[in-house]
Structure formats: structure tokens, C-alpha cells
Amino acid sequence: MPRKLFIAGNWKMNTNAASARALAEALVEKIGSVEAVDLAVCPPFVYLSAVGEVLAASRIALGAQDVYYEDDGAFTGEVSTAMLKDVGCSYVICGHSERRHVIGETDELINRKLLKALGDGLRPILCVGELLEERRAEETLEVVRRQVQLGLEGVSGGDVDKVTIAYEPVWAIGTGVVATPEQAQEVHAMIREVLAQLYDQAIAEAMRIQYGGSVKPKNAEALLACPDVDGALVGGASLKADQFAEIVSKGLGG
């Protein structure tokens, strides 16, 4: 059975209350009834409720950009799974490269967040990807393999199908540089091999692996056509309704 494409927008630290709502309204108008592709957007925490209200009558799911692994307590600045579910989130990004390399999150911390999200009914998007110096040193496959293995530590075969993996080469995020379809396919195929080793071939074939890193309308079609690329995690282009809708159109074969 072919894997259904999953295209998600990561708004990062952008928008304000008015522009977040306006962007969500434009997306609902343009792609809110799309059924052939699964869709989600991940606004900043403070606008989740407002965006969720706009998305409620559409087929676009709400996601968060991060989560913490404790239920509640003295964790200033953190947000729990219960809070995210309370405002309507279905998805949560875990281990985005900016959390890894700007904030300093470790594979162990990312794994704890992912396990907590899974255990409480959220669907994690686990981000993996190599730095430019790691690619230049031909360490890409080793780095991504390790991130996948450590990120999924303790995740059972019965739960792993709720996880989406997003391969995002760090050197391609926000730089305008994008991995070639061949580069993306090579890493995605390797990730699927790792999943088969960790679980089994059937699970590996069923799991969705997104590509992320300067995804734009002009390169989306070629990337989404790769046999092991099952969607996209879109950054900058997700802040423009026309561009995000066009990327979704490419996933529909348009």
C-alpha cells in the first residue's frame, strides 16, 4: 500500500497574533479540504490556540514545535503534552536541528520528549540531519543512522508507526541550498534500512520519512517524486500561503 504524503509547515519564531490567524485562514481557504495529502502546521506556542480555532473545520492538523517530558511542575518556559493536547495539537516536532545545534539538545533529551509525546497520544515528527562539516567528511549516513537509532530508543513496534521522521540536512535549512533529489533519496533509503533493522521490513515500508531543508515550489516536485520521500517539513515557504499551497499541489501531482 503506497504511503500517503505528509506535508507540514514549521513557522518557527515568526508571525504575530494577527498574521498567524490570517495565514491560517488563507491556508484553510486554499488547501483546507485536501484529502489526498496529510497536512499540518506548527505555529509558535503562543498562537496555537488562535490558529487551532481557524483550522478546526478543515483537514489541516495542528502541531507544536517542541514539548517537554514532564507532566507539570517547576519547569519555567516549558510546555507539556497535556497543554498541547488541550489546545488541539495532534503533532509535535522533536529534535529539530535548531533545537539540537542552537539550543543544545542531546539525542537523549530528544528521545525523552519523543517517548513522552507518544505515550500521551501526540504524533512526533523526529528530525534528523547532518551538519555541513559532517557531509564534507562523508559522515552523513553515520550521523543520521545514530540520530534515528537514539531518537527511537525504547519505541515499540506497535507505536513507531505514529512517528514521522524528517530528514533535514542542517546545511540546507534556511540557506536556500537544497539537497539534490539523489542526495535526499540516498539518506531516506538508508533511514528505511535502519527502520527495518530496528523493527521489520513491513514497519519500515509503512513509515513516512519527510524531507526538509529549503523546500520551495520549484524543487518540491522533484523531491516528492523520490521513492522514499514521503512528504516535506517546510520552513520559510510555509509562511506564505501561496507557496505552501503550491508545494501541496506538487504532492498532488499538480
Protein backbone atom coordinates (compact mmCIF):
# COMPACT_ATOMS: atom_id res chain seq x y z
CA MET A 1 0.00 0.00 0.00
CA PRO A 2 1.55 3.34 -1.02
CA ARG A 3 2.44 5.75 1.76
CA LYS A 4 0.26 8.86 1.97
CA LEU A 5 2.29 12.06 1.68
CA PHE A 6 2.55 14.23 4.78
CA ILE A 7 3.43 17.90 4.33
CA ALA A 8 3.87 20.04 7.44
CA GLY A 9 4.74 23.70 7.89
CA ASN A 10 7.09 24.82 10.65
CA TRP A 11 6.50 28.52 11.28
CA LYS A 12 9.42 28.73 13.75
CA MET A 13 9.67 32.05 15.66
CA ASN A 14 7.60 34.03 13.16
CA THR A 15 4.17 35.71 12.89
CA ASN A 16 2.16 37.72 15.40
CA ALA A 17 -1.42 37.14 16.54
CA ALA A 18 -2.98 38.83 13.52
CA SER A 19 -0.65 37.40 10.86
CA ALA A 20 -0.82 33.88 12.32
CA ARG A 21 -4.59 33.90 12.13
CA ALA A 22 -4.55 35.43 8.64
CA LEU A 23 -2.07 32.82 7.41
CA ALA A 24 -4.17 30.01 8.86
CA GLU A 25 -7.31 31.43 7.24
CA ALA A 26 -5.57 31.63 3.86
CA LEU A 27 -4.38 28.03 4.17
CA VAL A 28 -7.85 26.80 5.06
CA GLU A 29 -9.22 28.58 2.00
CA LYS A 30 -6.57 27.18 -0.35
CA ILE A 31 -5.92 23.65 0.92
CA GLY A 32 -8.25 23.09 3.87
CA SER A 33 -10.27 20.41 2.12
CA VAL A 34 -7.36 18.43 0.64
CA GLU A 35 -7.71 14.73 1.46
CA ALA A 36 -5.05 13.05 -0.67
CA VAL A 37 -2.18 14.54 1.37
CA ASP A 38 -1.98 14.79 5.17
CA LEU A 39 -1.30 18.37 6.25
CA ALA A 40 -0.22 20.11 9.44
CA VAL A 41 1.13 23.47 10.56
CA CYS A 42 3.24 24.18 13.63
CA PRO A 43 2.87 27.79 14.84
CA PRO A 44 4.67 29.32 17.84
CA PHE A 45 3.29 28.19 21.20
CA VAL A 46 1.56 31.49 21.95
CA TYR A 47 -0.56 31.31 18.77
CA LEU A 48 -1.53 27.64 18.91
CA SER A 49 -5.00 28.32 20.28
CA ALA A 50 -5.81 31.03 17.76
CA VAL A 51 -4.55 29.01 14.80
CA GLY A 52 -6.26 25.88 16.10
CA GLU A 53 -9.60 27.68 16.13
CA VAL A 54 -9.15 28.61 12.47
CA LEU A 55 -8.08 25.10 11.47
CA ALA A 56 -10.83 23.30 13.40
CA ALA A 57 -13.23 22.93 10.48
CA SER A 58 -10.50 21.97 8.00
CA ARG A 59 -8.37 18.91 7.30
CA ILE A 60 -5.19 20.73 8.36
CA ALA A 61 -3.88 19.40 11.67
CA LEU A 62 -2.27 21.49 14.38
CA GLY A 63 1.25 20.75 15.59
CA ALA A 64 3.71 22.23 18.08
CA GLN A 65 7.39 22.96 17.59
CA ASP A 66 8.58 21.34 20.81
CA VAL A 67 7.42 19.73 24.07
CA TYR A 68 8.82 18.81 27.49
CA TYR A 69 8.89 15.34 29.02
CA GLU A 70 7.35 16.10 32.42
CA ASP A 71 3.62 16.34 33.18
CA ASP A 72 3.81 19.60 35.13
CA GLY A 73 5.86 21.36 37.78
CA ALA A 74 8.69 23.86 38.18
CA PHE A 75 9.93 23.87 34.60
CA THR A 76 9.90 27.53 33.66
CA GLY A 77 9.33 28.17 29.98
CA GLU A 78 8.44 24.57 29.11
CA VAL A 79 5.18 23.22 27.68
CA SER A 80 3.66 19.81 28.47
CA THR A 81 1.89 17.27 26.30
CA ALA A 82 -1.35 17.94 28.20
CA MET A 83 -1.10 21.64 27.37
CA LEU A 84 -0.55 20.89 23.69
CA LYS A 85 -3.48 18.49 23.55
CA ASP A 86 -5.63 20.98 25.44
CA VAL A 87 -5.25 23.49 22.59
CA GLY A 88 -5.86 20.88 19.90
CA CYS A 89 -2.42 19.69 18.83
CA SER A 90 -2.08 16.33 17.10
CA TYR A 91 1.61 16.56 16.15
CA VAL A 92 4.80 17.80 17.77
CA ILE A 93 8.27 18.33 16.31
CA CYS A 94 11.07 16.67 18.30
CA GLY A 95 14.76 17.33 17.73
CA HIS A 96 14.67 20.00 15.05
CA SER A 97 18.23 20.95 14.10
CA GLU A 98 17.77 24.39 15.63
CA ARG A 99 16.90 22.72 18.93
CA ARG A 100 19.93 20.44 18.56
CA HIS A 101 22.54 22.92 17.38
CA VAL A 102 21.33 26.32 18.60
CA ILE A 103 19.67 25.32 21.89
CA GLY A 104 21.96 22.35 22.54
CA GLU A 105 19.51 19.45 22.89
CA THR A 106 21.03 15.98 23.05
CA ASP A 107 19.80 12.76 21.48
CA GLU A 108 18.89 11.55 24.98
CA LEU A 109 16.73 14.62 25.69
CA ILE A 110 15.04 14.40 22.29
CA ASN A 111 14.29 10.73 22.90
CA ARG A 112 12.69 11.52 26.28
CA LYS A 113 10.48 14.13 24.65
CA LEU A 114 9.50 11.76 21.84
CA LEU A 115 8.62 8.96 24.26
CA LYS A 116 6.52 11.32 26.35
CA ALA A 117 4.70 12.64 23.29
CA LEU A 118 3.96 9.12 22.05
CA GLY A 119 2.85 7.92 25.45
CA ASP A 120 0.38 10.78 25.76
CA GLY A 121 -1.16 10.44 22.33
CA LEU A 122 0.72 13.01 20.25
CA ARG A 123 2.36 12.13 16.94
CA PRO A 124 6.04 13.11 16.95
CA ILE A 125 7.97 14.33 13.93
CA LEU A 126 11.55 13.26 14.69
CA CYS A 127 14.06 15.49 12.89
CA VAL A 128 17.48 14.15 11.92
CA GLY A 129 20.24 15.54 9.75
CA GLU A 130 23.94 16.26 9.39
CA LEU A 131 26.00 19.44 9.63
CA LEU A 132 27.91 20.73 6.59
CA GLU A 133 31.24 19.61 8.01
CA GLU A 134 29.81 16.14 8.61
CA ARG A 135 28.69 15.88 4.99
CA ARG A 136 32.07 17.11 3.77
CA ALA A 137 33.71 14.44 5.94
CA GLU A 138 31.38 11.82 4.38
CA GLU A 139 29.80 11.13 7.77
CA THR A 140 26.19 11.81 6.70
CA LEU A 141 24.91 8.25 6.85
CA GLU A 142 26.67 7.52 10.14
CA VAL A 143 25.32 10.67 11.80
CA VAL A 144 21.75 10.19 10.60
CA ARG A 145 21.78 6.50 11.49
CA ARG A 146 22.84 7.32 15.04
CA GLN A 147 20.18 10.03 15.41
CA VAL A 148 17.45 7.67 14.21
CA GLN A 149 18.56 4.85 16.48
CA LEU A 150 18.89 7.04 19.59
CA GLY A 151 15.75 9.02 18.81
CA LEU A 152 13.67 5.84 18.63
CA GLU A 153 15.28 4.15 21.65
CA GLY A 154 12.54 2.41 23.63
CA VAL A 155 9.82 2.93 21.00
CA SER A 156 7.92 -0.30 20.42
CA GLY A 157 6.97 -1.75 17.07
CA GLY A 158 3.35 -1.09 17.99
CA ASP A 159 3.96 2.63 18.48
CA VAL A 160 6.61 3.52 15.91
CA ASP A 161 4.05 3.88 13.12
CA LYS A 162 2.83 7.02 14.92
CA VAL A 163 6.25 8.63 14.37
CA THR A 164 7.21 10.55 11.25
CA ILE A 165 10.91 11.01 10.56
CA ALA A 166 12.04 14.22 8.88
CA TYR A 167 15.47 14.23 7.23
CA GLU A 168 16.73 17.80 7.29
CA PRO A 169 20.36 18.34 6.27
CA VAL A 170 21.38 21.23 8.51
CA TRP A 171 23.36 22.88 5.72
CA ALA A 172 20.14 23.20 3.68
CA ILE A 173 17.86 24.73 6.35
CA GLY A 174 17.12 28.37 5.67
CA THR A 175 20.13 28.69 3.37
CA GLY A 176 18.44 28.45 0.01
CA VAL A 177 20.62 25.41 -0.70
CA VAL A 178 18.68 22.20 -1.10
CA ALA A 179 19.80 18.60 -1.23
CA THR A 180 19.51 17.14 -4.70
CA PRO A 181 16.81 14.51 -5.15
CA GLU A 182 19.61 11.94 -5.37
CA GLN A 183 21.13 13.07 -2.05
CA ALA A 184 17.74 13.06 -0.36
CA GLN A 185 16.82 9.64 -1.73
CA GLU A 186 20.12 8.12 -0.59
CA VAL A 187 19.59 9.19 3.02
CA HIS A 188 15.87 8.36 3.04
CA ALA A 189 16.61 4.85 1.73
CA MET A 190 19.24 4.38 4.43
CA ILE A 191 16.78 5.52 7.12
CA ARG A 192 14.31 2.94 5.85
CA GLU A 193 17.02 0.28 6.09
CA VAL A 194 17.71 1.29 9.69
CA LEU A 195 13.99 1.04 10.49
CA ALA A 196 13.92 -2.46 9.01
CA GLN A 197 16.86 -3.43 11.22
CA LEU A 198 15.29 -1.90 14.35
CA TYR A 199 11.81 -3.30 13.67
CA ASP A 200 10.97 -5.21 10.48
CA GLN A 201 10.58 -4.64 6.77
CA ALA A 202 6.82 -4.14 6.91
CA ILE A 203 7.13 -1.41 9.53
CA ALA A 204 9.95 0.23 7.59
CA GLU A 205 7.91 0.25 4.40
CA ALA A 206 4.90 1.78 6.15
CA MET A 207 6.70 4.63 7.92
CA ARG A 208 6.75 8.10 6.43
CA ILE A 209 10.00 10.00 6.00
CA GLN A 210 9.74 13.68 5.15
CA TYR A 211 12.43 15.82 3.57
CA GLY A 212 13.11 19.28 4.98
CA GLY A 213 15.59 21.98 4.09
CA SER A 214 14.76 24.93 1.83
CA VAL A 215 11.77 23.17 0.28
CA LYS A 216 10.18 25.53 -2.25
CA PRO A 217 7.58 25.16 -5.02
CA LYS A 218 10.37 24.99 -7.61
CA ASN A 219 12.09 21.95 -6.05
CA ALA A 220 9.19 20.21 -4.31
CA GLU A 221 8.03 18.15 -7.28
CA ALA A 222 11.42 16.51 -7.86
CA LEU A 223 11.94 15.81 -4.16
CA LEU A 224 8.46 14.39 -3.61
CA ALA A 225 8.90 12.14 -6.64
CA CYS A 226 11.73 10.23 -4.92
CA PRO A 227 10.54 6.73 -3.96
CA ASP A 228 11.49 7.06 -0.27
CA VAL A 229 10.47 10.71 0.22
CA ASP A 230 7.01 10.75 1.76
CA GLY A 231 6.40 14.45 2.21
CA ALA A 232 8.08 17.60 3.42
CA LEU A 233 8.70 19.62 6.56
CA VAL A 234 8.59 23.15 5.18
CA GLY A 235 10.12 26.18 6.87
CA GLY A 236 10.18 29.58 5.21
CA ALA A 237 7.80 28.69 2.39
CA SER A 238 5.15 27.67 4.93
CA LEU A 239 4.86 31.33 5.98
CA LYS A 240 3.43 32.22 2.58
CA ALA A 241 0.07 30.62 1.88
CA ASP A 242 0.53 30.65 -1.90
CA GLN A 243 3.90 28.92 -1.70
CA PHE A 244 2.80 26.31 0.82
CA ALA A 245 -0.33 25.57 -1.21
CA GLU A 246 1.79 25.20 -4.33
CA ILE A 247 4.06 22.72 -2.58
CA VAL A 248 0.99 20.74 -1.57
CA SER A 249 -0.18 20.91 -5.19
CA LYS A 250 3.12 19.33 -6.27
CA GLY A 251 2.41 16.49 -3.87
CA LEU A 252 -0.96 16.04 -5.56
CA GLY A 253 0.76 15.82 -8.92
CA GLY A 254 -0.22 19.36 -9.91
